[in-house]
Amino acid sequence: MTPLQKYTLEFPIKVSPKLLFTLISTSEGLARWFADKVIVNEDLFSFHWEGSQQSARLIESREPEYVRFEWTDDFHEGYILEMQINFEGVSGEAALIVSDYSEVSDMEFSQMWWTTQVGRLQRLFNN
């Protein structure tokens, strides 16, 4: 198996850190932008997209700062997905910082996928 490479992306989002935390840490919030369906059983999140599924365990969270998931599926097992909220109190600007892993050959696709998904999240607040 090819080792995966870590990458980090930052996205500005005009929403309160508390609301953003709800959208990145709950099944209801994640189902609004991250996956088509999210099922939670204790700390295990099952993410469903158009016929595919991946599972991750919520290993750490601190409201309203970040969530960390550890992937449990065969391909990504042991890799960490982190979604961190950076809030600048003076300017009132929030940013979602995503750290994930990808094969080098799929890096561009992975980053575009995140851009698309976070775009869905951003549109929740532009209407």
C-alpha atoms as a PDB file:
ATOM      1  CA  MET A   1       0.000   0.000   0.000  1.00  0.00           C
ATOM      2  CA  THR A   2       1.245   3.460  -0.902  1.00  0.00           C
ATOM      3  CA  PRO A   3       1.762   5.697   2.142  1.00  0.00           C
ATOM      4  CA  LEU A   4      -0.553   8.663   2.367  1.00  0.00           C
ATOM      5  CA  GLN A   5       0.651  12.244   2.555  1.00  0.00           C
ATOM      6  CA  LYS A   6      -0.829  14.809   4.938  1.00  0.00           C
ATOM      7  CA  TYR A   7      -2.184  18.094   3.631  1.00  0.00           C
ATOM      8  CA  THR A   8      -3.930  21.064   5.226  1.00  0.00           C
ATOM      9  CA  LEU A   9      -6.499  23.412   3.697  1.00  0.00           C
ATOM     10  CA  GLU A  10      -8.013  26.592   5.155  1.00  0.00           C
ATOM     11  CA  PHE A  11     -11.474  27.901   4.266  1.00  0.00           C
ATOM     12  CA  PRO A  12     -13.040  31.185   5.470  1.00  0.00           C
ATOM     13  CA  ILE A  13     -16.580  30.745   6.800  1.00  0.00           C
ATOM     14  CA  LYS A  14     -18.869  33.520   8.012  1.00  0.00           C
ATOM     15  CA  VAL A  15     -20.504  31.804  10.972  1.00  0.00           C
ATOM     16  CA  SER A  16     -20.062  31.669  14.726  1.00  0.00           C
ATOM     17  CA  PRO A  17     -17.537  29.120  16.026  1.00  0.00           C
ATOM     18  CA  LYS A  18     -20.259  27.469  18.132  1.00  0.00           C
ATOM     19  CA  LEU A  19     -22.508  26.825  15.119  1.00  0.00           C
ATOM     20  CA  LEU A  20     -19.543  25.717  12.999  1.00  0.00           C
ATOM     21  CA  PHE A  21     -18.522  23.277  15.725  1.00  0.00           C
ATOM     22  CA  THR A  22     -22.014  21.747  15.652  1.00  0.00           C
ATOM     23  CA  LEU A  23     -21.730  21.339  11.881  1.00  0.00           C
ATOM     24  CA  ILE A  24     -18.391  19.496  12.105  1.00  0.00           C
ATOM     25  CA  SER A  25     -19.065  17.365  15.189  1.00  0.00           C
ATOM     26  CA  THR A  26     -22.629  16.006  14.945  1.00  0.00           C
ATOM     27  CA  SER A  27     -24.275  13.563  12.547  1.00  0.00           C
ATOM     28  CA  GLU A  28     -26.963  16.126  11.706  1.00  0.00           C
ATOM     29  CA  GLY A  29     -24.409  18.844  11.010  1.00  0.00           C
ATOM     30  CA  LEU A  30     -22.084  16.639   8.944  1.00  0.00           C
ATOM     31  CA  ALA A  31     -25.025  15.324   6.882  1.00  0.00           C
ATOM     32  CA  ARG A  32     -25.782  18.889   5.782  1.00  0.00           C
ATOM     33  CA  TRP A  33     -22.469  19.302   3.938  1.00  0.00           C
ATOM     34  CA  PHE A  34     -19.867  16.556   4.431  1.00  0.00           C
ATOM     35  CA  ALA A  35     -21.691  13.334   3.513  1.00  0.00           C
ATOM     36  CA  ASP A  36     -25.071  12.333   2.131  1.00  0.00           C
ATOM     37  CA  LYS A  37     -25.861  10.434   5.319  1.00  0.00           C
ATOM     38  CA  VAL A  38     -24.074  10.102   8.654  1.00  0.00           C
ATOM     39  CA  ILE A  39     -24.879   7.407  11.202  1.00  0.00           C
ATOM     40  CA  VAL A  40     -23.360   7.544  14.685  1.00  0.00           C
ATOM     41  CA  ASN A  41     -23.077   4.617  17.063  1.00  0.00           C
ATOM     42  CA  GLU A  42     -21.435   5.835  20.274  1.00  0.00           C
ATOM     43  CA  ASP A  43     -18.159   7.365  18.974  1.00  0.00           C
ATOM     44  CA  LEU A  44     -18.135   5.598  15.564  1.00  0.00           C
ATOM     45  CA  PHE A  45     -19.295   7.746  12.634  1.00  0.00           C
ATOM     46  CA  SER A  46     -20.339   6.017   9.408  1.00  0.00           C
ATOM     47  CA  PHE A  47     -20.220   8.398   6.420  1.00  0.00           C
ATOM     48  CA  HIS A  48     -22.195   7.516   3.281  1.00  0.00           C
ATOM     49  CA  TRP A  49     -21.730   9.022  -0.191  1.00  0.00           C
ATOM     50  CA  GLU A  50     -23.514   7.781  -3.340  1.00  0.00           C
ATOM     51  CA  GLY A  51     -22.938   4.082  -2.767  1.00  0.00           C
ATOM     52  CA  SER A  52     -19.671   4.285  -0.824  1.00  0.00           C
ATOM     53  CA  GLN A  53     -19.081   4.313   2.909  1.00  0.00           C
ATOM     54  CA  GLN A  54     -16.216   5.122   5.262  1.00  0.00           C
ATOM     55  CA  SER A  55     -16.088   4.913   9.031  1.00  0.00           C
ATOM     56  CA  ALA A  56     -14.149   6.936  11.548  1.00  0.00           C
ATOM     57  CA  ARG A  57     -13.975   7.056  15.306  1.00  0.00           C
ATOM     58  CA  LEU A  58     -14.275  10.427  17.035  1.00  0.00           C
ATOM     59  CA  ILE A  59     -11.094  10.387  19.101  1.00  0.00           C
ATOM     60  CA  GLU A  60     -10.999  13.941  20.422  1.00  0.00           C
ATOM     61  CA  SER A  61     -13.000  17.147  20.364  1.00  0.00           C
ATOM     62  CA  ARG A  62     -12.918  20.457  22.126  1.00  0.00           C
ATOM     63  CA  GLU A  63     -15.846  22.801  21.674  1.00  0.00           C
ATOM     64  CA  PRO A  64     -15.659  25.186  19.803  1.00  0.00           C
ATOM     65  CA  GLU A  65     -12.094  24.528  18.623  1.00  0.00           C
ATOM     66  CA  TYR A  66     -11.667  21.196  16.812  1.00  0.00           C
ATOM     67  CA  VAL A  67     -12.676  17.595  16.161  1.00  0.00           C
ATOM     68  CA  ARG A  68     -10.376  14.690  15.351  1.00  0.00           C
ATOM     69  CA  PHE A  69     -11.511  11.486  13.700  1.00  0.00           C
ATOM     70  CA  GLU A  70      -9.429   8.351  13.180  1.00  0.00           C
ATOM     71  CA  TRP A  71     -10.402   6.464  10.036  1.00  0.00           C
ATOM     72  CA  THR A  72     -11.247   2.803  10.642  1.00  0.00           C
ATOM     73  CA  ASP A  73     -11.732   1.583   7.061  1.00  0.00           C
ATOM     74  CA  ASP A  74      -8.989  -0.596   5.522  1.00  0.00           C
ATOM     75  CA  PHE A  75      -7.546   2.016   3.168  1.00  0.00           C
ATOM     76  CA  HIS A  76      -7.227   4.877   5.670  1.00  0.00           C
ATOM     77  CA  GLU A  77      -7.033   2.935   8.929  1.00  0.00           C
ATOM     78  CA  GLY A  78      -5.120   4.826  11.578  1.00  0.00           C
ATOM     79  CA  TYR A  79      -5.006   8.131   9.672  1.00  0.00           C
ATOM     80  CA  ILE A  80      -6.430  11.218  11.372  1.00  0.00           C
ATOM     81  CA  LEU A  81      -8.893  13.717   9.921  1.00  0.00           C
ATOM     82  CA  GLU A  82      -8.847  16.975  11.856  1.00  0.00           C
ATOM     83  CA  MET A  83     -11.226  19.879  11.427  1.00  0.00           C
ATOM     84  CA  GLN A  84     -10.130  22.923  13.401  1.00  0.00           C
ATOM     85  CA  ILE A  85     -11.905  26.236  13.869  1.00  0.00           C
ATOM     86  CA  ASN A  86      -9.796  29.368  13.881  1.00  0.00           C
ATOM     87  CA  PHE A  87     -11.711  32.411  15.092  1.00  0.00           C
ATOM     88  CA  GLU A  88     -10.320  35.931  15.051  1.00  0.00           C
ATOM     89  CA  GLY A  89     -12.350  37.732  17.690  1.00  0.00           C
ATOM     90  CA  VAL A  90     -11.250  41.197  16.602  1.00  0.00           C
ATOM     91  CA  SER A  91     -12.315  40.795  12.983  1.00  0.00           C
ATOM     92  CA  GLY A  92     -15.122  38.297  13.643  1.00  0.00           C
ATOM     93  CA  GLU A  93     -13.724  36.060  10.894  1.00  0.00           C
ATOM     94  CA  ALA A  94     -13.811  32.287  11.245  1.00  0.00           C
ATOM     95  CA  ALA A  95     -11.910  29.696   9.249  1.00  0.00           C
ATOM     96  CA  LEU A  96     -12.240  25.940   8.986  1.00  0.00           C
ATOM     97  CA  ILE A  97      -8.825  24.301   8.794  1.00  0.00           C
ATOM     98  CA  VAL A  98      -8.928  20.749   7.477  1.00  0.00           C
ATOM     99  CA  SER A  99      -6.003  18.332   7.826  1.00  0.00           C
ATOM    100  CA  ASP A 100      -6.401  15.047   5.953  1.00  0.00           C
ATOM    101  CA  TYR A 101      -4.364  12.473   4.028  1.00  0.00           C
ATOM    102  CA  SER A 102      -4.230  11.392   0.406  1.00  0.00           C
ATOM    103  CA  GLU A 103      -2.106   9.402  -1.974  1.00  0.00           C
ATOM    104  CA  VAL A 104       0.219  11.769  -3.819  1.00  0.00           C
ATOM    105  CA  SER A 105      -1.361  10.752  -7.139  1.00  0.00           C
ATOM    106  CA  ASP A 106      -4.835  11.701  -5.791  1.00  0.00           C
ATOM    107  CA  MET A 107      -3.788  14.883  -3.970  1.00  0.00           C
ATOM    108  CA  GLU A 108      -5.346  17.312  -6.454  1.00  0.00           C
ATOM    109  CA  PHE A 109      -8.617  15.353  -6.489  1.00  0.00           C
ATOM    110  CA  SER A 110      -8.705  15.168  -2.662  1.00  0.00           C
ATOM    111  CA  GLN A 111      -8.164  18.901  -2.290  1.00  0.00           C
ATOM    112  CA  MET A 112     -10.825  19.660  -4.914  1.00  0.00           C
ATOM    113  CA  TRP A 113     -13.218  17.296  -3.121  1.00  0.00           C
ATOM    114  CA  TRP A 114     -12.723  19.199   0.152  1.00  0.00           C
ATOM    115  CA  THR A 115     -13.186  22.516  -1.656  1.00  0.00           C
ATOM    116  CA  THR A 116     -16.499  21.256  -3.053  1.00  0.00           C
ATOM    117  CA  GLN A 117     -17.745  19.911   0.278  1.00  0.00           C
ATOM    118  CA  VAL A 118     -16.773  23.038   2.232  1.00  0.00           C
ATOM    119  CA  GLY A 119     -18.398  25.073  -0.542  1.00  0.00           C
ATOM    120  CA  ARG A 120     -21.648  23.290   0.377  1.00  0.00           C
ATOM    121  CA  LEU A 121     -21.036  24.296   3.994  1.00  0.00           C
ATOM    122  CA  GLN A 122     -20.350  27.925   3.051  1.00  0.00           C
ATOM    123  CA  ARG A 123     -23.549  28.092   0.976  1.00  0.00           C
ATOM    124  CA  LEU A 124     -25.591  27.224   4.076  1.00  0.00           C
ATOM    125  CA  PHE A 125     -24.802  30.760   5.306  1.00  0.00           C
ATOM    126  CA  ASN A 126     -24.989  32.696   2.029  1.00  0.00           C
ATOM    127  CA  ASN A 127     -28.735  32.237   1.500  1.00  0.00           C
END
